[in-house]
Amino acid sequence: MVMTNNTTHTASHEPLARIDFAKTAPKVFKAVIGLDAAARAGLDPALVELIQIRASHLNGCAYCLHMHTNDARKAGESEDRLHLVAVWREARNFYSAKEQAALALTDAVTLVADAGVPDAAYAEAAAHFDEAELAQVIALILAINTWNRIALSTAKVAGTDEREG
């Protein structure tokens, strides 16, 4: 038996049922959808998916990783780039300098508790994006981190894309 949050569960039982966030907090859910839509507006769709995939890797969110890798494939993204985004620093030749700057900023913002957002990561992104684009990229990073946390805290199952249903 395992004790978690004053609740006893046996290891062989199904995971604890979680809330359906969209139904339980519809105003918040719609606000996050609005943030996501506003953040991605005007950004290159390939860059949007790379940012979402990278943050989902860092956060360990299989639900979002599955969703966004499928979205990227549908948009024509190569398998090589999809597989290598987790190790993008070692596979820089697969990504443009602008994409690398966005990925470095994604790493910094997603892992903000580790070291803040270093000036070097911010400056590199600022060198590749104008102020409006940079704000969009930061907003997108914030949005995917929010989605990752919603999916993880409500135990969303990878392979189930509720946008289709």
N, C-alpha and C. Protein backbone atom coordinates (compact mmCIF):
# COMPACT_ATOMS: atom_id res chain seq x y z
N MET A 1 0.84 -1.19 0.00
CA MET A 1 0.00 0.00 0.00
C MET A 1 0.87 1.24 0.00
N VAL A 2 0.33 2.28 -0.59
CA VAL A 2 1.05 3.53 -0.70
C VAL A 2 0.20 4.63 -0.09
N MET A 3 0.78 5.43 0.79
CA MET A 3 0.07 6.56 1.37
C MET A 3 0.43 7.83 0.60
N THR A 4 -0.58 8.49 0.06
CA THR A 4 -0.36 9.77 -0.61
C THR A 4 -1.46 10.72 -0.20
N ASN A 5 -1.08 11.86 0.30
CA ASN A 5 -2.05 12.89 0.69
C ASN A 5 -3.16 12.32 1.57
N ASN A 6 -2.77 11.55 2.58
CA ASN A 6 -3.71 10.98 3.53
C ASN A 6 -4.70 10.01 2.90
N THR A 7 -4.41 9.49 1.72
CA THR A 7 -5.28 8.52 1.06
C THR A 7 -4.46 7.27 0.80
N THR A 8 -5.04 6.12 1.09
CA THR A 8 -4.34 4.86 0.87
C THR A 8 -4.77 4.27 -0.46
N HIS A 9 -3.78 3.89 -1.27
CA HIS A 9 -4.03 3.24 -2.56
C HIS A 9 -3.15 2.01 -2.62
N THR A 10 -3.67 0.95 -3.19
CA THR A 10 -2.81 -0.20 -3.43
C THR A 10 -2.20 -0.03 -4.80
N ALA A 11 -1.00 -0.55 -4.98
CA ALA A 11 -0.28 -0.37 -6.23
C ALA A 11 -0.99 -1.00 -7.42
N SER A 12 -1.85 -1.98 -7.19
CA SER A 12 -2.51 -2.68 -8.30
C SER A 12 -3.78 -1.98 -8.78
N HIS A 13 -4.27 -1.01 -8.08
CA HIS A 13 -5.51 -0.33 -8.47
C HIS A 13 -5.26 0.73 -9.54
N GLU A 14 -6.32 1.09 -10.21
CA GLU A 14 -6.27 2.16 -11.21
C GLU A 14 -5.86 3.46 -10.52
N PRO A 15 -5.28 4.39 -11.29
CA PRO A 15 -4.93 5.70 -10.70
C PRO A 15 -6.19 6.40 -10.18
N LEU A 16 -5.98 7.25 -9.23
CA LEU A 16 -7.07 8.03 -8.67
C LEU A 16 -7.73 8.86 -9.76
N ALA A 17 -9.04 8.82 -9.85
CA ALA A 17 -9.76 9.61 -10.84
C ALA A 17 -9.52 11.10 -10.56
N ARG A 18 -9.33 11.86 -11.60
CA ARG A 18 -9.06 13.29 -11.48
C ARG A 18 -10.20 14.08 -12.10
N ILE A 19 -10.24 15.35 -11.81
CA ILE A 19 -11.28 16.21 -12.37
C ILE A 19 -11.10 16.39 -13.87
N ASP A 20 -12.19 16.68 -14.53
CA ASP A 20 -12.16 17.11 -15.93
C ASP A 20 -12.07 18.63 -15.86
N PHE A 21 -10.87 19.15 -16.05
CA PHE A 21 -10.61 20.57 -15.85
C PHE A 21 -11.50 21.45 -16.72
N ALA A 22 -11.69 21.06 -17.98
CA ALA A 22 -12.51 21.87 -18.90
C ALA A 22 -13.94 22.00 -18.39
N LYS A 23 -14.47 20.95 -17.83
CA LYS A 23 -15.85 20.97 -17.32
C LYS A 23 -15.95 21.58 -15.94
N THR A 24 -14.93 21.38 -15.12
CA THR A 24 -14.97 21.85 -13.74
C THR A 24 -14.62 23.33 -13.61
N ALA A 25 -13.74 23.81 -14.47
CA ALA A 25 -13.32 25.22 -14.44
C ALA A 25 -13.42 25.81 -15.85
N PRO A 26 -14.63 25.86 -16.42
CA PRO A 26 -14.76 26.27 -17.82
C PRO A 26 -14.27 27.68 -18.12
N LYS A 27 -14.44 28.61 -17.21
CA LYS A 27 -13.96 29.98 -17.46
C LYS A 27 -12.44 30.02 -17.51
N VAL A 28 -11.80 29.31 -16.62
CA VAL A 28 -10.34 29.26 -16.61
C VAL A 28 -9.85 28.55 -17.87
N PHE A 29 -10.48 27.43 -18.21
CA PHE A 29 -10.10 26.67 -19.39
C PHE A 29 -10.21 27.53 -20.65
N LYS A 30 -11.30 28.27 -20.77
CA LYS A 30 -11.48 29.16 -21.93
C LYS A 30 -10.44 30.28 -21.93
N ALA A 31 -10.07 30.76 -20.76
CA ALA A 31 -9.04 31.81 -20.68
C ALA A 31 -7.69 31.26 -21.15
N VAL A 32 -7.38 30.03 -20.79
CA VAL A 32 -6.12 29.43 -21.24
C VAL A 32 -6.15 29.22 -22.75
N ILE A 33 -7.29 28.81 -23.28
CA ILE A 33 -7.44 28.69 -24.74
C ILE A 33 -7.20 30.04 -25.39
N GLY A 34 -7.75 31.09 -24.79
CA GLY A 34 -7.54 32.45 -25.32
C GLY A 34 -6.08 32.87 -25.28
N LEU A 35 -5.40 32.56 -24.18
CA LEU A 35 -3.97 32.86 -24.06
C LEU A 35 -3.20 32.12 -25.14
N ASP A 36 -3.50 30.85 -25.31
CA ASP A 36 -2.81 30.03 -26.30
C ASP A 36 -3.01 30.60 -27.71
N ALA A 37 -4.24 30.93 -28.05
CA ALA A 37 -4.53 31.47 -29.39
C ALA A 37 -3.85 32.81 -29.61
N ALA A 38 -3.89 33.67 -28.61
CA ALA A 38 -3.25 34.98 -28.72
C ALA A 38 -1.73 34.84 -28.83
N ALA A 39 -1.16 33.91 -28.10
CA ALA A 39 0.29 33.72 -28.08
C ALA A 39 0.81 33.24 -29.43
N ARG A 40 0.09 32.33 -30.06
CA ARG A 40 0.59 31.75 -31.31
C ARG A 40 0.31 32.62 -32.52
N ALA A 41 -0.57 33.61 -32.39
CA ALA A 41 -0.95 34.46 -33.52
C ALA A 41 0.28 35.14 -34.12
N GLY A 42 0.48 34.93 -35.42
CA GLY A 42 1.57 35.57 -36.13
C GLY A 42 2.90 34.84 -36.06
N LEU A 43 3.01 33.81 -35.24
CA LEU A 43 4.27 33.05 -35.17
C LEU A 43 4.27 31.94 -36.21
N ASP A 44 5.45 31.58 -36.67
CA ASP A 44 5.61 30.47 -37.61
C ASP A 44 5.07 29.20 -36.95
N PRO A 45 4.13 28.51 -37.59
CA PRO A 45 3.54 27.31 -36.99
C PRO A 45 4.58 26.23 -36.64
N ALA A 46 5.63 26.09 -37.43
CA ALA A 46 6.68 25.11 -37.11
C ALA A 46 7.38 25.49 -35.81
N LEU A 47 7.65 26.77 -35.63
CA LEU A 47 8.29 27.24 -34.40
C LEU A 47 7.36 27.01 -33.21
N VAL A 48 6.09 27.27 -33.39
CA VAL A 48 5.11 27.06 -32.32
C VAL A 48 5.18 25.61 -31.84
N GLU A 49 5.17 24.68 -32.77
CA GLU A 49 5.19 23.26 -32.38
C GLU A 49 6.51 22.89 -31.71
N LEU A 50 7.64 23.39 -32.22
CA LEU A 50 8.92 23.09 -31.59
C LEU A 50 8.96 23.56 -30.14
N ILE A 51 8.47 24.76 -29.89
CA ILE A 51 8.43 25.30 -28.53
C ILE A 51 7.54 24.42 -27.65
N GLN A 52 6.38 24.06 -28.16
CA GLN A 52 5.44 23.25 -27.36
C GLN A 52 6.01 21.85 -27.09
N ILE A 53 6.67 21.28 -28.07
CA ILE A 53 7.28 19.96 -27.90
C ILE A 53 8.40 20.03 -26.87
N ARG A 54 9.26 21.04 -26.98
CA ARG A 54 10.38 21.15 -26.06
C ARG A 54 9.92 21.34 -24.62
N ALA A 55 8.98 22.24 -24.39
CA ALA A 55 8.48 22.45 -23.02
C ALA A 55 7.83 21.18 -22.49
N SER A 56 7.09 20.49 -23.34
CA SER A 56 6.44 19.24 -22.92
C SER A 56 7.46 18.17 -22.57
N HIS A 57 8.59 18.11 -23.29
CA HIS A 57 9.69 17.21 -22.92
C HIS A 57 10.19 17.55 -21.52
N LEU A 58 10.51 18.81 -21.32
CA LEU A 58 11.08 19.24 -20.04
C LEU A 58 10.14 18.99 -18.87
N ASN A 59 8.85 19.14 -19.12
CA ASN A 59 7.86 18.96 -18.05
C ASN A 59 7.40 17.51 -17.91
N GLY A 60 7.83 16.65 -18.81
CA GLY A 60 7.43 15.24 -18.74
C GLY A 60 5.96 15.04 -19.03
N CYS A 61 5.41 15.84 -19.93
CA CYS A 61 3.98 15.77 -20.23
C CYS A 61 3.74 14.95 -21.50
N ALA A 62 3.49 13.67 -21.32
CA ALA A 62 3.28 12.77 -22.45
C ALA A 62 2.03 13.15 -23.25
N TYR A 63 0.99 13.58 -22.57
CA TYR A 63 -0.25 13.97 -23.24
C TYR A 63 0.02 15.09 -24.26
N CYS A 64 0.67 16.15 -23.82
CA CYS A 64 0.95 17.29 -24.70
C CYS A 64 2.01 16.93 -25.74
N LEU A 65 2.99 16.15 -25.35
CA LEU A 65 4.04 15.75 -26.29
C LEU A 65 3.43 14.95 -27.44
N HIS A 66 2.55 14.03 -27.14
CA HIS A 66 1.88 13.24 -28.18
C HIS A 66 1.07 14.16 -29.09
N MET A 67 0.30 15.05 -28.49
CA MET A 67 -0.55 15.96 -29.26
C MET A 67 0.28 16.85 -30.19
N HIS A 68 1.32 17.44 -29.68
CA HIS A 68 2.08 18.42 -30.47
C HIS A 68 3.02 17.78 -31.48
N THR A 69 3.52 16.59 -31.21
CA THR A 69 4.30 15.92 -32.24
C THR A 69 3.39 15.51 -33.40
N ASN A 70 2.17 15.08 -33.08
CA ASN A 70 1.22 14.76 -34.16
C ASN A 70 0.85 16.00 -34.95
N ASP A 71 0.61 17.11 -34.25
CA ASP A 71 0.30 18.38 -34.94
C ASP A 71 1.45 18.78 -35.86
N ALA A 72 2.67 18.63 -35.37
CA ALA A 72 3.85 19.01 -36.15
C ALA A 72 3.98 18.12 -37.40
N ARG A 73 3.74 16.83 -37.24
CA ARG A 73 3.78 15.92 -38.40
C ARG A 73 2.75 16.33 -39.44
N LYS A 74 1.54 16.61 -38.98
CA LYS A 74 0.46 17.02 -39.89
C LYS A 74 0.83 18.30 -40.64
N ALA A 75 1.62 19.15 -39.99
CA ALA A 75 2.06 20.41 -40.61
C ALA A 75 3.30 20.23 -41.47
N GLY A 76 3.81 18.99 -41.58
CA GLY A 76 4.95 18.72 -42.45
C GLY A 76 6.30 18.68 -41.79
N GLU A 77 6.35 18.70 -40.47
CA GLU A 77 7.64 18.66 -39.76
C GLU A 77 8.33 17.32 -40.01
N SER A 78 9.65 17.34 -40.11
CA SER A 78 10.41 16.11 -40.37
C SER A 78 10.55 15.27 -39.10
N GLU A 79 10.63 13.98 -39.30
CA GLU A 79 10.83 13.06 -38.17
C GLU A 79 12.15 13.34 -37.47
N ASP A 80 13.20 13.65 -38.23
CA ASP A 80 14.50 13.96 -37.61
C ASP A 80 14.37 15.10 -36.62
N ARG A 81 13.77 16.18 -37.05
CA ARG A 81 13.65 17.35 -36.16
C ARG A 81 12.78 17.03 -34.95
N LEU A 82 11.73 16.26 -35.13
CA LEU A 82 10.87 15.88 -34.01
C LEU A 82 11.63 15.03 -32.99
N HIS A 83 12.40 14.08 -33.48
CA HIS A 83 13.13 13.20 -32.57
C HIS A 83 14.29 13.91 -31.87
N LEU A 84 14.86 14.90 -32.52
CA LEU A 84 16.05 15.54 -31.98
C LEU A 84 15.78 16.78 -31.13
N VAL A 85 14.54 17.25 -31.09
CA VAL A 85 14.26 18.46 -30.32
C VAL A 85 14.60 18.26 -28.83
N ALA A 86 14.50 17.05 -28.33
CA ALA A 86 14.84 16.79 -26.92
C ALA A 86 16.33 17.02 -26.65
N VAL A 87 17.14 16.90 -27.70
CA VAL A 87 18.59 17.08 -27.56
C VAL A 87 19.07 18.15 -28.56
N TRP A 88 18.30 19.19 -28.69
CA TRP A 88 18.54 20.19 -29.73
C TRP A 88 19.93 20.82 -29.63
N ARG A 89 20.47 20.97 -28.44
CA ARG A 89 21.79 21.59 -28.30
C ARG A 89 22.88 20.75 -28.98
N GLU A 90 22.70 19.44 -28.98
CA GLU A 90 23.66 18.55 -29.62
C GLU A 90 23.34 18.35 -31.10
N ALA A 91 22.19 18.84 -31.55
CA ALA A 91 21.74 18.66 -32.94
C ALA A 91 21.42 20.01 -33.56
N ARG A 92 22.23 21.00 -33.25
CA ARG A 92 21.97 22.37 -33.70
C ARG A 92 21.82 22.49 -35.21
N ASN A 93 22.52 21.64 -35.96
CA ASN A 93 22.47 21.73 -37.42
C ASN A 93 21.08 21.44 -37.98
N PHE A 94 20.18 20.90 -37.18
CA PHE A 94 18.81 20.63 -37.63
C PHE A 94 17.89 21.84 -37.42
N TYR A 95 18.35 22.85 -36.70
CA TYR A 95 17.50 24.00 -36.34
C TYR A 95 18.18 25.30 -36.72
N SER A 96 17.39 26.24 -37.17
CA SER A 96 17.92 27.57 -37.52
C SER A 96 18.38 28.28 -36.25
N ALA A 97 19.16 29.33 -36.43
CA ALA A 97 19.62 30.12 -35.28
C ALA A 97 18.42 30.70 -34.52
N LYS A 98 17.38 31.10 -35.24
CA LYS A 98 16.18 31.65 -34.62
C LYS A 98 15.46 30.57 -33.80
N GLU A 99 15.36 29.37 -34.35
CA GLU A 99 14.74 28.27 -33.62
C GLU A 99 15.55 27.91 -32.38
N GLN A 100 16.87 27.90 -32.51
CA GLN A 100 17.73 27.61 -31.36
C GLN A 100 17.54 28.65 -30.26
N ALA A 101 17.42 29.90 -30.64
CA ALA A 101 17.21 30.96 -29.65
C ALA A 101 15.87 30.76 -28.94
N ALA A 102 14.85 30.38 -29.71
CA ALA A 102 13.53 30.13 -29.11
C ALA A 102 13.57 28.91 -28.20
N LEU A 103 14.28 27.88 -28.61
CA LEU A 103 14.40 26.68 -27.77
C LEU A 103 15.17 26.96 -26.49
N ALA A 104 16.23 27.76 -26.58
CA ALA A 104 16.99 28.12 -25.38
C ALA A 104 16.13 28.94 -24.42
N LEU A 105 15.33 29.84 -24.95
CA LEU A 105 14.43 30.62 -24.11
C LEU A 105 13.35 29.71 -23.51
N THR A 106 12.87 28.76 -24.29
CA THR A 106 11.89 27.79 -23.78
C THR A 106 12.48 27.03 -22.61
N ASP A 107 13.72 26.57 -22.76
CA ASP A 107 14.39 25.86 -21.66
C ASP A 107 14.46 26.75 -20.42
N ALA A 108 14.90 27.97 -20.59
CA ALA A 108 15.09 28.88 -19.45
C ALA A 108 13.77 29.20 -18.75
N VAL A 109 12.75 29.54 -19.53
CA VAL A 109 11.46 29.91 -18.92
C VAL A 109 10.80 28.69 -18.28
N THR A 110 10.86 27.55 -18.95
CA THR A 110 10.25 26.35 -18.40
C THR A 110 10.94 25.91 -17.11
N LEU A 111 12.24 26.05 -17.06
CA LEU A 111 13.02 25.65 -15.89
C LEU A 111 13.40 26.86 -15.03
N VAL A 112 12.56 27.86 -15.00
CA VAL A 112 12.84 29.14 -14.37
C VAL A 112 13.28 29.00 -12.91
N ALA A 113 12.78 28.01 -12.20
CA ALA A 113 13.15 27.83 -10.80
C ALA A 113 14.62 27.44 -10.64
N ASP A 114 15.22 26.87 -11.68
CA ASP A 114 16.61 26.43 -11.59
C ASP A 114 17.60 27.60 -11.57
N ALA A 115 17.41 28.56 -12.47
CA ALA A 115 18.40 29.64 -12.58
C ALA A 115 17.81 30.94 -13.10
N GLY A 116 16.50 31.10 -12.98
CA GLY A 116 15.89 32.28 -13.56
C GLY A 116 15.96 32.20 -15.07
N VAL A 117 15.83 33.31 -15.73
CA VAL A 117 16.00 33.38 -17.19
C VAL A 117 17.30 34.15 -17.41
N PRO A 118 18.38 33.42 -17.73
CA PRO A 118 19.68 34.07 -17.88
C PRO A 118 19.67 35.15 -18.96
N ASP A 119 20.43 36.21 -18.71
CA ASP A 119 20.53 37.30 -19.67
C ASP A 119 20.94 36.80 -21.05
N ALA A 120 21.84 35.82 -21.11
CA ALA A 120 22.32 35.32 -22.40
C ALA A 120 21.20 34.69 -23.21
N ALA A 121 20.34 33.92 -22.57
CA ALA A 121 19.21 33.30 -23.28
C ALA A 121 18.23 34.36 -23.78
N TYR A 122 17.96 35.34 -22.92
CA TYR A 122 17.05 36.42 -23.31
C TYR A 122 17.65 37.24 -24.45
N ALA A 123 18.92 37.60 -24.34
CA ALA A 123 19.58 38.43 -25.35
C ALA A 123 19.63 37.72 -26.70
N GLU A 124 19.89 36.43 -26.70
CA GLU A 124 19.93 35.68 -27.95
C GLU A 124 18.55 35.67 -28.61
N ALA A 125 17.52 35.47 -27.83
CA ALA A 125 16.16 35.50 -28.38
C ALA A 125 15.83 36.91 -28.89
N ALA A 126 16.21 37.92 -28.13
CA ALA A 126 15.94 39.30 -28.53
C ALA A 126 16.67 39.67 -29.82
N ALA A 127 17.78 39.00 -30.10
CA ALA A 127 18.53 39.26 -31.33
C ALA A 127 17.84 38.67 -32.56
N HIS A 128 16.95 37.70 -32.35
CA HIS A 128 16.29 37.01 -33.46
C HIS A 128 14.82 37.38 -33.63
N PHE A 129 14.23 37.99 -32.62
CA PHE A 129 12.82 38.34 -32.66
C PHE A 129 12.67 39.82 -32.34
N ASP A 130 11.77 40.51 -33.05
CA ASP A 130 11.50 41.88 -32.64
C ASP A 130 10.71 41.82 -31.32
N GLU A 131 10.50 42.97 -30.71
CA GLU A 131 9.87 42.98 -29.38
C GLU A 131 8.50 42.32 -29.37
N ALA A 132 7.70 42.58 -30.39
CA ALA A 132 6.36 41.99 -30.44
C ALA A 132 6.43 40.47 -30.59
N GLU A 133 7.33 39.99 -31.46
CA GLU A 133 7.50 38.54 -31.63
C GLU A 133 8.03 37.90 -30.36
N LEU A 134 8.97 38.57 -29.71
CA LEU A 134 9.54 38.04 -28.47
C LEU A 134 8.45 37.90 -27.40
N ALA A 135 7.59 38.89 -27.32
CA ALA A 135 6.47 38.81 -26.37
C ALA A 135 5.57 37.63 -26.71
N GLN A 136 5.33 37.39 -28.01
CA GLN A 136 4.52 36.25 -28.44
C GLN A 136 5.19 34.94 -28.05
N VAL A 137 6.50 34.83 -28.27
CA VAL A 137 7.23 33.61 -27.93
C VAL A 137 7.15 33.36 -26.42
N ILE A 138 7.37 34.39 -25.63
CA ILE A 138 7.29 34.24 -24.17
C ILE A 138 5.87 33.81 -23.77
N ALA A 139 4.87 34.44 -24.35
CA ALA A 139 3.48 34.07 -24.05
C ALA A 139 3.20 32.62 -24.43
N LEU A 140 3.73 32.17 -25.57
CA LEU A 140 3.54 30.78 -25.98
C LEU A 140 4.19 29.82 -25.00
N ILE A 141 5.39 30.15 -24.54
CA ILE A 141 6.07 29.32 -23.55
C ILE A 141 5.24 29.25 -22.27
N LEU A 142 4.69 30.39 -21.85
CA LEU A 142 3.84 30.40 -20.66
C LEU A 142 2.59 29.55 -20.88
N ALA A 143 2.00 29.65 -22.07
CA ALA A 143 0.78 28.89 -22.37
C ALA A 143 1.04 27.39 -22.34
N ILE A 144 2.10 26.92 -23.01
CA ILE A 144 2.34 25.47 -23.03
C ILE A 144 2.71 24.96 -21.65
N ASN A 145 3.41 25.76 -20.86
CA ASN A 145 3.70 25.34 -19.49
C ASN A 145 2.41 25.23 -18.68
N THR A 146 1.47 26.12 -18.92
CA THR A 146 0.17 26.03 -18.25
C THR A 146 -0.56 24.76 -18.69
N TRP A 147 -0.60 24.51 -20.01
CA TRP A 147 -1.26 23.29 -20.51
C TRP A 147 -0.60 22.04 -19.94
N ASN A 148 0.74 22.02 -19.89
CA ASN A 148 1.44 20.86 -19.33
C ASN A 148 1.01 20.62 -17.89
N ARG A 149 0.92 21.69 -17.12
CA ARG A 149 0.56 21.55 -15.71
C ARG A 149 -0.89 21.12 -15.54
N ILE A 150 -1.76 21.60 -16.40
CA ILE A 150 -3.15 21.13 -16.35
C ILE A 150 -3.20 19.64 -16.68
N ALA A 151 -2.54 19.23 -17.76
CA ALA A 151 -2.57 17.82 -18.17
C ALA A 151 -1.96 16.91 -17.12
N LEU A 152 -0.84 17.32 -16.54
CA LEU A 152 -0.18 16.49 -15.53
C LEU A 152 -0.98 16.42 -14.24
N SER A 153 -1.52 17.53 -13.79
CA SER A 153 -2.25 17.52 -12.52
C SER A 153 -3.60 16.82 -12.62
N THR A 154 -4.13 16.71 -13.83
CA THR A 154 -5.42 16.02 -14.01
C THR A 154 -5.25 14.66 -14.66
N ALA A 155 -4.00 14.20 -14.78
CA ALA A 155 -3.66 12.86 -15.28
C ALA A 155 -4.23 12.58 -16.66
N LYS A 156 -4.03 13.52 -17.59
CA LYS A 156 -4.47 13.29 -18.97
C LYS A 156 -3.66 12.14 -19.56
N VAL A 157 -4.30 11.32 -20.36
CA VAL A 157 -3.69 10.11 -20.91
C VAL A 157 -3.16 10.39 -22.31
N ALA A 158 -1.87 10.14 -22.52
CA ALA A 158 -1.27 10.31 -23.83
C ALA A 158 -2.02 9.46 -24.84
N GLY A 159 -2.22 10.03 -26.03
CA GLY A 159 -2.92 9.31 -27.09
C GLY A 159 -4.38 9.61 -27.16
N THR A 160 -4.88 10.38 -26.19
CA THR A 160 -6.27 10.80 -26.21
C THR A 160 -6.29 12.30 -26.44
N ASP A 161 -6.65 12.71 -27.63
CA ASP A 161 -6.69 14.14 -27.96
C ASP A 161 -8.13 14.59 -27.94
N GLU A 162 -8.49 15.29 -26.88
CA GLU A 162 -9.88 15.70 -26.69
C GLU A 162 -10.35 16.76 -27.68
N ARG A 163 -9.43 17.33 -28.42
CA ARG A 163 -9.84 18.30 -29.44
C ARG A 163 -10.59 17.59 -30.55
N GLU A 164 -10.36 16.28 -30.71
CA GLU A 164 -10.99 15.52 -31.78
C GLU A 164 -12.38 15.04 -31.41
N GLY A 165 -12.73 15.12 -30.14
CA GLY A 165 -14.01 14.54 -29.71
C GLY A 165 -15.04 15.49 -29.30
